[in-house]
């Protein structure tokens, strides 16, 4: 795994955590949604720099390598 790929996977994992936190309380979600714009931009840029934009299969394989619980199989 290249450093750019690691950075992209880490950015996605951070975005996922921020999204889960924002949506944990549905009634408060509209207040927190604007906070997600920065992690989304970070993840988009990291994907682009790693050459993974449009290559979801490779990207999600990398994410599962780094954090298997993200795939949902650990639920």
PDB file of N, CA and C in Angstrom:
ATOM      1  N   UNK A   1       0.859  -1.175   0.000  1.00  0.00           N
ATOM      2  CA  UNK A   1       0.000   0.000   0.000  1.00  0.00           C
ATOM      3  C   UNK A   1       0.907   1.239   0.000  1.00  0.00           C
ATOM      4  N   UNK A   2       0.667   2.144  -0.931  1.00  0.00           N
ATOM      5  CA  UNK A   2       1.430   3.393  -1.019  1.00  0.00           C
ATOM      6  C   UNK A   2       0.928   4.402   0.006  1.00  0.00           C
ATOM      7  N   UNK A   3       1.788   5.369   0.348  1.00  0.00           N
ATOM      8  CA  UNK A   3       1.425   6.376   1.350  1.00  0.00           C
ATOM      9  C   UNK A   3       0.168   7.148   0.937  1.00  0.00           C
ATOM     10  N   UNK A   4       0.032   7.470  -0.337  1.00  0.00           N
ATOM     11  CA  UNK A   4      -1.158   8.197  -0.794  1.00  0.00           C
ATOM     12  C   UNK A   4      -2.413   7.345  -0.613  1.00  0.00           C
ATOM     13  N   UNK A   5      -2.292   6.041  -0.823  1.00  0.00           N
ATOM     14  CA  UNK A   5      -3.437   5.150  -0.623  1.00  0.00           C
ATOM     15  C   UNK A   5      -3.806   5.057   0.858  1.00  0.00           C
ATOM     16  N   UNK A   6      -2.784   4.994   1.705  1.00  0.00           N
ATOM     17  CA  UNK A   6      -3.026   4.977   3.152  1.00  0.00           C
ATOM     18  C   UNK A   6      -3.740   6.259   3.570  1.00  0.00           C
ATOM     19  N   UNK A   7      -3.277   7.397   3.069  1.00  0.00           N
ATOM     20  CA  UNK A   7      -3.893   8.684   3.404  1.00  0.00           C
ATOM     21  C   UNK A   7      -5.345   8.724   2.951  1.00  0.00           C
ATOM     22  N   UNK A   8      -5.640   8.184   1.773  1.00  0.00           N
ATOM     23  CA  UNK A   8      -7.017   8.171   1.272  1.00  0.00           C
ATOM     24  C   UNK A   8      -7.903   7.290   2.149  1.00  0.00           C
ATOM     25  N   UNK A   9      -7.408   6.120   2.504  1.00  0.00           N
ATOM     26  CA  UNK A   9      -8.196   5.225   3.357  1.00  0.00           C
ATOM     27  C   UNK A   9      -8.418   5.851   4.733  1.00  0.00           C
ATOM     28  N   UNK A  10      -7.389   6.473   5.292  1.00  0.00           N
ATOM     29  CA  UNK A  10      -7.531   7.127   6.593  1.00  0.00           C
ATOM     30  C   UNK A  10      -8.525   8.281   6.530  1.00  0.00           C
ATOM     31  N   UNK A  11      -8.482   9.053   5.468  1.00  0.00           N
ATOM     32  CA  UNK A  11      -9.428  10.170   5.313  1.00  0.00           C
ATOM     33  C   UNK A  11     -10.856   9.655   5.248  1.00  0.00           C
ATOM     34  N   UNK A  12     -11.063   8.553   4.538  1.00  0.00           N
ATOM     35  CA  UNK A  12     -12.400   7.969   4.451  1.00  0.00           C
ATOM     36  C   UNK A  12     -12.865   7.480   5.814  1.00  0.00           C
ATOM     37  N   UNK A  13     -11.975   6.831   6.554  1.00  0.00           N
ATOM     38  CA  UNK A  13     -12.332   6.319   7.878  1.00  0.00           C
ATOM     39  C   UNK A  13     -12.706   7.481   8.800  1.00  0.00           C
ATOM     40  N   UNK A  14     -11.964   8.592   8.712  1.00  0.00           N
ATOM     41  CA  UNK A  14     -12.318   9.769   9.514  1.00  0.00           C
ATOM     42  C   UNK A  14     -13.673  10.330   9.091  1.00  0.00           C
ATOM     43  N   UNK A  15     -13.925  10.389   7.790  1.00  0.00           N
ATOM     44  CA  UNK A  15     -15.216  10.868   7.292  1.00  0.00           C
ATOM     45  C   UNK A  15     -16.343   9.967   7.782  1.00  0.00           C
ATOM     46  N   UNK A  16     -16.129   8.679   7.734  1.00  0.00           N
ATOM     47  CA  UNK A  16     -17.145   7.736   8.194  1.00  0.00           C
ATOM     48  C   UNK A  16     -17.440   7.942   9.680  1.00  0.00           C
ATOM     49  N   UNK A  17     -16.402   8.121  10.483  1.00  0.00           N
ATOM     50  CA  UNK A  17     -16.595   8.343  11.918  1.00  0.00           C
ATOM     51  C   UNK A  17     -17.346   9.651  12.167  1.00  0.00           C
ATOM     52  N   UNK A  18     -16.988  10.699  11.435  1.00  0.00           N
ATOM     53  CA  UNK A  18     -17.666  11.992  11.603  1.00  0.00           C
ATOM     54  C   UNK A  18     -19.127  11.897  11.179  1.00  0.00           C
ATOM     55  N   UNK A  19     -19.391  11.170  10.112  1.00  0.00           N
ATOM     56  CA  UNK A  19     -20.763  10.999   9.633  1.00  0.00           C
ATOM     57  C   UNK A  19     -21.596  10.218  10.641  1.00  0.00           C
ATOM     58  N   UNK A  20     -21.022   9.152  11.159  1.00  0.00           N
ATOM     59  CA  UNK A  20     -21.747   8.370  12.168  1.00  0.00           C
ATOM     60  C   UNK A  20     -22.066   9.222  13.394  1.00  0.00           C
ATOM     61  N   UNK A  21     -21.101  10.031  13.811  1.00  0.00           N
ATOM     62  CA  UNK A  21     -21.329  10.900  14.971  1.00  0.00           C
ATOM     63  C   UNK A  21     -22.430  11.918  14.676  1.00  0.00           C
ATOM     64  N   UNK A  22     -22.408  12.491  13.474  1.00  0.00           N
ATOM     65  CA  UNK A  22     -23.406  13.500  13.104  1.00  0.00           C
ATOM     66  C   UNK A  22     -24.804  12.902  13.016  1.00  0.00           C
ATOM     67  N   UNK A  23     -24.876  11.650  12.610  1.00  0.00           N
ATOM     68  CA  UNK A  23     -26.184  11.018  12.427  1.00  0.00           C
ATOM     69  C   UNK A  23     -26.642  10.213  13.640  1.00  0.00           C
ATOM     70  N   UNK A  24     -25.838  10.197  14.685  1.00  0.00           N
ATOM     71  CA  UNK A  24     -26.174   9.417  15.877  1.00  0.00           C
ATOM     72  C   UNK A  24     -27.476   9.901  16.512  1.00  0.00           C
ATOM     73  N   UNK A  25     -27.727  11.176  16.395  1.00  0.00           N
ATOM     74  CA  UNK A  25     -28.947  11.759  16.931  1.00  0.00           C
ATOM     75  C   UNK A  25     -29.687  12.405  15.763  1.00  0.00           C
ATOM     76  N   UNK A  26     -30.616  11.675  15.139  1.00  0.00           N
ATOM     77  CA  UNK A  26     -31.278  12.174  13.933  1.00  0.00           C
ATOM     78  C   UNK A  26     -31.883  13.572  14.062  1.00  0.00           C
ATOM     79  N   UNK A  27     -32.391  13.893  15.224  1.00  0.00           N
ATOM     80  CA  UNK A  27     -33.006  15.218  15.369  1.00  0.00           C
ATOM     81  C   UNK A  27     -31.967  16.337  15.348  1.00  0.00           C
ATOM     82  N   UNK A  28     -30.707  16.030  15.702  1.00  0.00           N
ATOM     83  CA  UNK A  28     -29.643  17.037  15.677  1.00  0.00           C
ATOM     84  C   UNK A  28     -28.827  17.007  14.387  1.00  0.00           C
ATOM     85  N   UNK A  29     -29.029  15.998  13.551  1.00  0.00           N
ATOM     86  CA  UNK A  29     -28.229  15.827  12.343  1.00  0.00           C
ATOM     87  C   UNK A  29     -28.155  17.087  11.474  1.00  0.00           C
ATOM     88  N   UNK A  30     -29.255  17.802  11.242  1.00  0.00           N
ATOM     89  CA  UNK A  30     -29.150  19.005  10.403  1.00  0.00           C
ATOM     90  C   UNK A  30     -28.160  20.039  10.949  1.00  0.00           C
ATOM     91  N   UNK A  31     -27.978  20.073  12.245  1.00  0.00           N
ATOM     92  CA  UNK A  31     -27.023  21.012  12.839  1.00  0.00           C
ATOM     93  C   UNK A  31     -25.581  20.622  12.540  1.00  0.00           C
ATOM     94  N   UNK A  32     -25.325  19.321  12.455  1.00  0.00           N
ATOM     95  CA  UNK A  32     -23.956  18.833  12.302  1.00  0.00           C
ATOM     96  C   UNK A  32     -23.541  18.576  10.854  1.00  0.00           C
ATOM     97  N   UNK A  33     -24.484  18.503   9.957  1.00  0.00           N
ATOM     98  CA  UNK A  33     -24.153  18.188   8.565  1.00  0.00           C
ATOM     99  C   UNK A  33     -23.139  19.153   7.952  1.00  0.00           C
ATOM    100  N   UNK A  34     -23.206  20.462   8.206  1.00  0.00           N
ATOM    101  CA  UNK A  34     -22.203  21.357   7.630  1.00  0.00           C
ATOM    102  C   UNK A  34     -20.775  21.051   8.099  1.00  0.00           C
ATOM    103  N   UNK A  35     -20.649  20.438   9.267  1.00  0.00           N
ATOM    104  CA  UNK A  35     -19.329  20.094   9.795  1.00  0.00           C
ATOM    105  C   UNK A  35     -18.663  19.021   8.938  1.00  0.00           C
ATOM    106  N   UNK A  36     -19.443  18.277   8.187  1.00  0.00           N
ATOM    107  CA  UNK A  36     -18.902  17.190   7.371  1.00  0.00           C
ATOM    108  C   UNK A  36     -18.242  17.672   6.086  1.00  0.00           C
ATOM    109  N   UNK A  37     -18.413  18.933   5.720  1.00  0.00           N
ATOM    110  CA  UNK A  37     -17.851  19.396   4.453  1.00  0.00           C
ATOM    111  C   UNK A  37     -16.323  19.299   4.434  1.00  0.00           C
ATOM    112  N   UNK A  38     -15.676  19.599   5.533  1.00  0.00           N
ATOM    113  CA  UNK A  38     -14.214  19.522   5.571  1.00  0.00           C
ATOM    114  C   UNK A  38     -13.713  18.082   5.433  1.00  0.00           C
ATOM    115  N   UNK A  39     -14.248  17.112   6.212  1.00  0.00           N
ATOM    116  CA  UNK A  39     -13.805  15.733   6.014  1.00  0.00           C
ATOM    117  C   UNK A  39     -14.123  15.193   4.616  1.00  0.00           C
ATOM    118  N   UNK A  40     -15.244  15.647   4.017  1.00  0.00           N
ATOM    119  CA  UNK A  40     -15.570  15.215   2.654  1.00  0.00           C
ATOM    120  C   UNK A  40     -14.553  15.742   1.652  1.00  0.00           C
ATOM    121  N   UNK A  41     -14.183  17.009   1.800  1.00  0.00           N
ATOM    122  CA  UNK A  41     -13.185  17.590   0.905  1.00  0.00           C
ATOM    123  C   UNK A  41     -11.843  16.884   1.065  1.00  0.00           C
ATOM    124  N   UNK A  42     -11.469  16.598   2.317  1.00  0.00           N
ATOM    125  CA  UNK A  42     -10.211  15.895   2.572  1.00  0.00           C
ATOM    126  C   UNK A  42     -10.213  14.523   1.907  1.00  0.00           C
ATOM    127  N   UNK A  43     -11.299  13.781   2.056  1.00  0.00           N
ATOM    128  CA  UNK A  43     -11.392  12.447   1.473  1.00  0.00           C
ATOM    129  C   UNK A  43     -11.373  12.508  -0.053  1.00  0.00           C
ATOM    130  N   UNK A  44     -12.095  13.448  -0.645  1.00  0.00           N
ATOM    131  CA  UNK A  44     -12.098  13.601  -2.104  1.00  0.00           C
ATOM    132  C   UNK A  44     -10.699  13.896  -2.641  1.00  0.00           C
ATOM    133  N   UNK A  45     -10.002  14.815  -1.986  1.00  0.00           N
ATOM    134  CA  UNK A  45      -8.651  15.183  -2.424  1.00  0.00           C
ATOM    135  C   UNK A  45      -7.687  14.008  -2.261  1.00  0.00           C
ATOM    136  N   UNK A  46      -7.789  13.300  -1.151  1.00  0.00           N
ATOM    137  CA  UNK A  46      -6.909  12.153  -0.921  1.00  0.00           C
ATOM    138  C   UNK A  46      -7.158  11.055  -1.951  1.00  0.00           C
ATOM    139  N   UNK A  47      -8.424  10.823  -2.296  1.00  0.00           N
ATOM    140  CA  UNK A  47      -8.740   9.838  -3.340  1.00  0.00           C
ATOM    141  C   UNK A  47      -8.131  10.241  -4.676  1.00  0.00           C
ATOM    142  N   UNK A  48      -8.264  11.503  -5.000  1.00  0.00           N
ATOM    143  CA  UNK A  48      -7.713  11.995  -6.264  1.00  0.00           C
ATOM    144  C   UNK A  48      -6.199  11.833  -6.293  1.00  0.00           C
ATOM    145  N   UNK A  49      -5.536  12.240  -5.222  1.00  0.00           N
ATOM    146  CA  UNK A  49      -4.071  12.169  -5.166  1.00  0.00           C
ATOM    147  C   UNK A  49      -3.560  10.729  -5.221  1.00  0.00           C
ATOM    148  N   UNK A  50      -4.330   9.800  -4.680  1.00  0.00           N
ATOM    149  CA  UNK A  50      -3.928   8.396  -4.680  1.00  0.00           C
ATOM    150  C   UNK A  50      -4.295   7.694  -5.981  1.00  0.00           C
ATOM    151  N   UNK A  51      -5.002   8.395  -6.863  1.00  0.00           N
ATOM    152  CA  UNK A  51      -5.424   7.770  -8.112  1.00  0.00           C
ATOM    153  C   UNK A  51      -6.539   6.755  -7.908  1.00  0.00           C
ATOM    154  N   UNK A  52      -7.284   6.918  -6.831  1.00  0.00           N
ATOM    155  CA  UNK A  52      -8.347   5.965  -6.510  1.00  0.00           C
ATOM    156  C   UNK A  52      -9.736   6.478  -6.839  1.00  0.00           C
ATOM    157  N   UNK A  53      -9.859   7.717  -7.257  1.00  0.00           N
ATOM    158  CA  UNK A  53     -11.172   8.244  -7.639  1.00  0.00           C
ATOM    159  C   UNK A  53     -11.683   7.428  -8.822  1.00  0.00           C
ATOM    160  N   UNK A  54     -12.858   6.852  -8.667  1.00  0.00           N
ATOM    161  CA  UNK A  54     -13.422   6.024  -9.724  1.00  0.00           C
ATOM    162  C   UNK A  54     -13.005   4.564  -9.640  1.00  0.00           C
ATOM    163  N   UNK A  55     -12.143   4.223  -8.687  1.00  0.00           N
ATOM    164  CA  UNK A  55     -11.708   2.844  -8.517  1.00  0.00           C
ATOM    165  C   UNK A  55     -12.146   2.363  -7.130  1.00  0.00           C
ATOM    166  N   UNK A  56     -13.446   2.273  -6.950  1.00  0.00           N
ATOM    167  CA  UNK A  56     -14.009   1.955  -5.648  1.00  0.00           C
ATOM    168  C   UNK A  56     -13.609   0.576  -5.153  1.00  0.00           C
ATOM    169  N   UNK A  57     -13.513  -0.404  -6.047  1.00  0.00           N
ATOM    170  CA  UNK A  57     -13.144  -1.756  -5.616  1.00  0.00           C
ATOM    171  C   UNK A  57     -11.783  -1.749  -4.924  1.00  0.00           C
ATOM    172  N   UNK A  58     -10.803  -1.140  -5.542  1.00  0.00           N
ATOM    173  CA  UNK A  58      -9.457  -1.062  -4.950  1.00  0.00           C
ATOM    174  C   UNK A  58      -9.492  -0.242  -3.666  1.00  0.00           C
ATOM    175  N   UNK A  59     -10.192   0.867  -3.703  1.00  0.00           N
ATOM    176  CA  UNK A  59     -10.250   1.741  -2.537  1.00  0.00           C
ATOM    177  C   UNK A  59     -10.844   1.025  -1.330  1.00  0.00           C
ATOM    178  N   UNK A  60     -12.000   0.400  -1.498  1.00  0.00           N
ATOM    179  CA  UNK A  60     -12.642  -0.259  -0.359  1.00  0.00           C
ATOM    180  C   UNK A  60     -11.865  -1.487   0.104  1.00  0.00           C
ATOM    181  N   UNK A  61     -11.129  -2.131  -0.775  1.00  0.00           N
ATOM    182  CA  UNK A  61     -10.240  -3.217  -0.346  1.00  0.00           C
ATOM    183  C   UNK A  61      -9.163  -2.660   0.583  1.00  0.00           C
ATOM    184  N   UNK A  62      -8.627  -1.487   0.258  1.00  0.00           N
ATOM    185  CA  UNK A  62      -7.633  -0.845   1.121  1.00  0.00           C
ATOM    186  C   UNK A  62      -8.234  -0.466   2.468  1.00  0.00           C
ATOM    187  N   UNK A  63      -9.440   0.080   2.447  1.00  0.00           N
ATOM    188  CA  UNK A  63     -10.105   0.463   3.699  1.00  0.00           C
ATOM    189  C   UNK A  63     -10.322  -0.780   4.565  1.00  0.00           C
ATOM    190  N   UNK A  64     -10.782  -1.885   3.960  1.00  0.00           N
ATOM    191  CA  UNK A  64     -10.993  -3.114   4.729  1.00  0.00           C
ATOM    192  C   UNK A  64      -9.690  -3.646   5.304  1.00  0.00           C
ATOM    193  N   UNK A  65      -8.591  -3.476   4.577  1.00  0.00           N
ATOM    194  CA  UNK A  65      -7.286  -3.867   5.078  1.00  0.00           C
ATOM    195  C   UNK A  65      -6.935  -3.102   6.347  1.00  0.00           C
ATOM    196  N   UNK A  66      -7.222  -1.814   6.331  1.00  0.00           N
ATOM    197  CA  UNK A  66      -6.866  -0.954   7.451  1.00  0.00           C
ATOM    198  C   UNK A  66      -7.816  -1.090   8.633  1.00  0.00           C
ATOM    199  N   UNK A  67      -9.092  -1.271   8.340  1.00  0.00           N
ATOM    200  CA  UNK A  67     -10.096  -1.328   9.390  1.00  0.00           C
ATOM    201  C   UNK A  67     -11.202  -2.291   8.971  1.00  0.00           C
ATOM    202  N   UNK A  68     -11.006  -3.572   9.238  1.00  0.00           N
ATOM    203  CA  UNK A  68     -11.981  -4.586   8.787  1.00  0.00           C
ATOM    204  C   UNK A  68     -13.411  -4.319   9.249  1.00  0.00           C
ATOM    205  N   UNK A  69     -13.594  -3.680  10.379  1.00  0.00           N
ATOM    206  CA  UNK A  69     -14.948  -3.441  10.889  1.00  0.00           C
ATOM    207  C   UNK A  69     -15.745  -2.501  10.009  1.00  0.00           C
ATOM    208  N   UNK A  70     -15.085  -1.733   9.146  1.00  0.00           N
ATOM    209  CA  UNK A  70     -15.791  -0.788   8.259  1.00  0.00           C
ATOM    210  C   UNK A  70     -16.664  -1.551   7.255  1.00  0.00           C
ATOM    211  N   UNK A  71     -16.282  -2.773   6.918  1.00  0.00           N
ATOM    212  CA  UNK A  71     -17.042  -3.535   5.923  1.00  0.00           C
ATOM    213  C   UNK A  71     -18.397  -3.981   6.436  1.00  0.00           C
ATOM    214  N   UNK A  72     -18.605  -3.900   7.765  1.00  0.00           N
ATOM    215  CA  UNK A  72     -19.875  -4.320   8.323  1.00  0.00           C
ATOM    216  C   UNK A  72     -19.914  -5.770   8.712  1.00  0.00           C
ATOM    217  N   UNK A  73     -18.877  -6.532   8.362  1.00  0.00           N
ATOM    218  CA  UNK A  73     -18.875  -7.951   8.676  1.00  0.00           C
ATOM    219  C   UNK A  73     -18.684  -8.220  10.166  1.00  0.00           C
ATOM    220  N   UNK A  74     -18.227  -7.211  10.902  1.00  0.00           N
ATOM    221  CA  UNK A  74     -18.007  -7.382  12.329  1.00  0.00           C
ATOM    222  C   UNK A  74     -19.228  -7.082  13.168  1.00  0.00           C
ATOM    223  N   UNK A  75     -20.344  -6.819  12.537  1.00  0.00           N
ATOM    224  CA  UNK A  75     -21.572  -6.452  13.284  1.00  0.00           C
ATOM    225  C   UNK A  75     -22.307  -7.656  13.752  1.00  0.00           C
TER     226      UNK A  75
END
